[in-house]
């Protein structure tokens, strides 16, 4: 007897809120060095990983997309920029530039590549433990506002859920 997994109908993934006061910036050649120049004048910079910095804006933007566009304009050396996110408990989630997609059923490698191409992304990897899930990265990361790309992807009938891949930052109570 062969058991095949049932198709994924609905996935309950908490949707974090994009922040208007903090962005994550990935710099091309700044590993181990604090970014200088105009970017540092926008707010406080904190290291968040290899080549990743969290910029806490001195003046929060009107919304997360405005913060994203301002930081991109002020940082031509940024490889990509994305808003930081906060979950329902206020914990900070820092995007790493990838998007995770859980499909309603397992897709072939060819179908994953076609999906990536349709959305201006490249396939990063398939999840070894959840065959319906894969991660992708935008081909032109400076041109992509992650929350909008995730929202567009979630509109597809073959997608159960999509979300930005993040690192979590928890606070001690």
Protein backbone atom coordinates (compact mmCIF):
# COMPACT_ATOMS: atom_id res chain seq x y z
CA UNK A 1 0.00 0.00 0.00
CA UNK A 2 1.36 3.41 -1.00
CA UNK A 3 0.48 6.51 0.93
CA UNK A 4 0.72 9.76 -0.96
CA UNK A 5 0.56 13.07 0.85
CA UNK A 6 -2.68 15.02 0.59
CA UNK A 7 -2.46 18.33 -1.28
CA UNK A 8 -1.95 21.40 0.89
CA UNK A 9 -5.23 23.30 1.04
CA UNK A 10 -4.44 26.12 3.46
CA UNK A 11 -1.38 27.04 5.45
CA UNK A 12 -1.74 29.28 8.49
CA UNK A 13 1.37 31.44 8.51
CA UNK A 14 1.33 34.54 10.67
CA UNK A 15 1.78 37.56 8.43
CA UNK A 16 4.26 39.97 9.99
CA UNK A 17 3.85 43.73 9.53
CA UNK A 18 6.46 45.69 7.56
CA UNK A 19 8.06 48.40 9.70
CA UNK A 20 8.35 52.06 8.67
CA UNK A 21 11.14 52.75 11.17
CA UNK A 22 13.68 50.00 10.38
CA UNK A 23 15.07 48.45 7.22
CA UNK A 24 17.58 45.72 6.50
CA UNK A 25 20.34 46.63 4.08
CA UNK A 26 22.60 44.09 2.36
CA UNK A 27 25.81 45.71 1.22
CA UNK A 28 27.92 44.36 -1.61
CA UNK A 29 31.38 44.72 -0.09
CA UNK A 30 31.01 45.72 3.54
CA UNK A 31 31.61 42.51 5.44
CA UNK A 32 32.92 43.41 8.87
CA UNK A 33 32.90 47.17 8.17
CA UNK A 34 30.28 49.65 9.27
CA UNK A 35 28.67 51.44 6.33
CA UNK A 36 29.70 55.05 6.01
CA UNK A 37 28.31 58.07 4.30
CA UNK A 38 24.75 59.09 3.76
CA UNK A 39 23.28 55.80 4.92
CA UNK A 40 24.71 56.26 8.42
CA UNK A 41 23.21 59.76 8.58
CA UNK A 42 19.69 58.31 8.24
CA UNK A 43 19.83 56.50 11.55
CA UNK A 44 21.54 53.98 13.78
CA UNK A 45 23.17 50.99 12.07
CA UNK A 46 23.40 47.58 13.73
CA UNK A 47 25.13 44.52 12.30
CA UNK A 48 22.59 41.77 11.56
CA UNK A 49 24.68 39.13 9.83
CA UNK A 50 27.33 38.83 7.13
CA UNK A 51 26.95 41.96 4.96
CA UNK A 52 23.57 42.66 6.59
CA UNK A 53 22.78 45.79 8.58
CA UNK A 54 19.63 46.93 10.30
CA UNK A 55 19.10 50.65 9.92
CA UNK A 56 16.88 52.20 12.59
CA UNK A 57 15.68 55.40 11.02
CA UNK A 58 15.96 58.65 12.99
CA UNK A 59 12.66 59.71 11.50
CA UNK A 60 10.22 56.91 10.71
CA UNK A 61 8.86 57.09 7.20
CA UNK A 62 5.18 57.52 6.30
CA UNK A 63 5.09 53.80 5.53
CA UNK A 64 7.45 50.87 5.00
CA UNK A 65 7.63 51.36 1.21
CA UNK A 66 8.71 54.97 1.61
CA UNK A 67 11.44 53.88 4.06
CA UNK A 68 12.60 51.27 1.51
CA UNK A 69 12.76 53.74 -1.38
CA UNK A 70 14.53 56.42 0.70
CA UNK A 71 17.23 54.01 1.83
CA UNK A 72 17.73 52.69 -1.71
CA UNK A 73 18.13 56.24 -3.01
CA UNK A 74 20.65 57.09 -0.29
CA UNK A 75 22.65 53.87 -0.59
CA UNK A 76 23.81 53.11 -4.13
CA UNK A 77 26.20 50.48 -2.71
CA UNK A 78 23.31 48.45 -1.26
CA UNK A 79 22.78 45.09 -2.95
CA UNK A 80 19.19 45.05 -1.66
CA UNK A 81 17.00 46.74 0.93
CA UNK A 82 13.86 45.45 2.63
CA UNK A 83 11.75 46.64 5.54
CA UNK A 84 12.19 44.90 8.87
CA UNK A 85 9.05 43.11 10.04
CA UNK A 86 7.35 42.68 13.39
CA UNK A 87 5.22 39.74 14.42
CA UNK A 88 2.06 39.93 16.52
CA UNK A 89 4.14 39.93 19.72
CA UNK A 90 6.40 42.78 18.61
CA UNK A 91 9.39 40.54 17.90
CA UNK A 92 11.56 41.81 15.08
CA UNK A 93 11.99 39.68 11.96
CA UNK A 94 14.85 40.64 9.67
CA UNK A 95 14.54 39.56 6.03
CA UNK A 96 17.51 37.81 4.44
CA UNK A 97 16.44 38.63 0.87
CA UNK A 98 14.76 35.31 0.09
CA UNK A 99 11.09 34.45 -0.27
CA UNK A 100 9.66 31.12 0.84
CA UNK A 101 6.72 29.71 -1.11
CA UNK A 102 4.58 26.76 -0.11
CA UNK A 103 2.67 25.38 -3.07
CA UNK A 104 -0.58 23.44 -2.87
CA UNK A 105 1.22 20.40 -4.32
CA UNK A 106 4.78 19.40 -5.05
CA UNK A 107 6.01 20.98 -8.28
CA UNK A 108 8.54 19.49 -10.68
CA UNK A 109 11.94 21.13 -10.99
CA UNK A 110 10.90 22.46 -14.39
CA UNK A 111 7.70 23.98 -12.93
CA UNK A 112 9.69 25.61 -10.08
CA UNK A 113 12.09 27.14 -12.61
CA UNK A 114 9.16 28.43 -14.69
CA UNK A 115 7.54 29.89 -11.54
CA UNK A 116 10.81 31.64 -10.66
CA UNK A 117 11.15 33.04 -14.17
CA UNK A 118 7.53 34.30 -14.14
CA UNK A 119 8.29 36.37 -11.04
CA UNK A 120 11.81 37.59 -11.85
CA UNK A 121 13.41 35.26 -9.35
CA UNK A 122 15.84 32.39 -9.24
CA UNK A 123 15.25 29.15 -7.38
CA UNK A 124 17.46 29.03 -4.31
CA UNK A 125 16.52 25.58 -3.03
CA UNK A 126 13.68 23.16 -2.48
CA UNK A 127 12.85 22.27 1.12
CA UNK A 128 14.10 18.73 1.81
CA UNK A 129 11.45 18.10 4.47
CA UNK A 130 8.43 19.83 2.91
CA UNK A 131 8.46 18.96 -0.82
CA UNK A 132 5.76 21.55 -1.61
CA UNK A 133 8.01 24.35 -0.33
CA UNK A 134 10.91 26.17 -1.97
CA UNK A 135 12.86 29.40 -1.49
CA UNK A 136 13.63 31.95 -4.16
CA UNK A 137 15.64 35.17 -4.54
CA UNK A 138 14.82 38.11 -6.79
CA UNK A 139 17.12 38.38 -9.83
CA UNK A 140 17.16 42.19 -9.50
CA UNK A 141 16.95 42.63 -5.72
CA UNK A 142 17.23 46.44 -5.73
CA UNK A 143 14.13 46.62 -7.92
CA UNK A 144 11.92 44.46 -5.69
CA UNK A 145 9.87 45.57 -2.71
CA UNK A 146 9.53 42.23 -0.91
CA UNK A 147 6.06 42.76 0.64
CA UNK A 148 4.55 43.47 -2.79
CA UNK A 149 6.26 40.49 -4.41
CA UNK A 150 5.00 38.21 -1.64
CA UNK A 151 1.45 39.60 -2.02
CA UNK A 152 1.51 39.01 -5.81
CA UNK A 153 2.76 35.47 -5.37
CA UNK A 154 0.04 34.67 -2.83
CA UNK A 155 -2.63 35.54 -5.41
CA UNK A 156 -1.70 32.51 -7.50
CA UNK A 157 -4.09 29.58 -7.31
CA UNK A 158 -1.20 27.09 -7.00
CA UNK A 159 0.29 28.85 -3.92
CA UNK A 160 -0.85 27.96 -0.40
CA UNK A 161 1.26 30.67 1.26
CA UNK A 162 4.33 32.85 0.75
CA UNK A 163 6.45 34.87 3.15
CA UNK A 164 9.82 36.62 3.35
CA UNK A 165 12.54 34.43 4.86
CA UNK A 166 13.70 36.13 8.04
CA UNK A 167 16.08 36.00 10.95
CA UNK A 168 14.33 36.57 14.27
CA UNK A 169 15.41 39.00 16.95
CA UNK A 170 13.83 38.34 20.33
CA UNK A 171 13.85 40.53 23.40
CA UNK A 172 14.47 39.45 26.93
CA UNK A 173 11.52 40.17 29.20
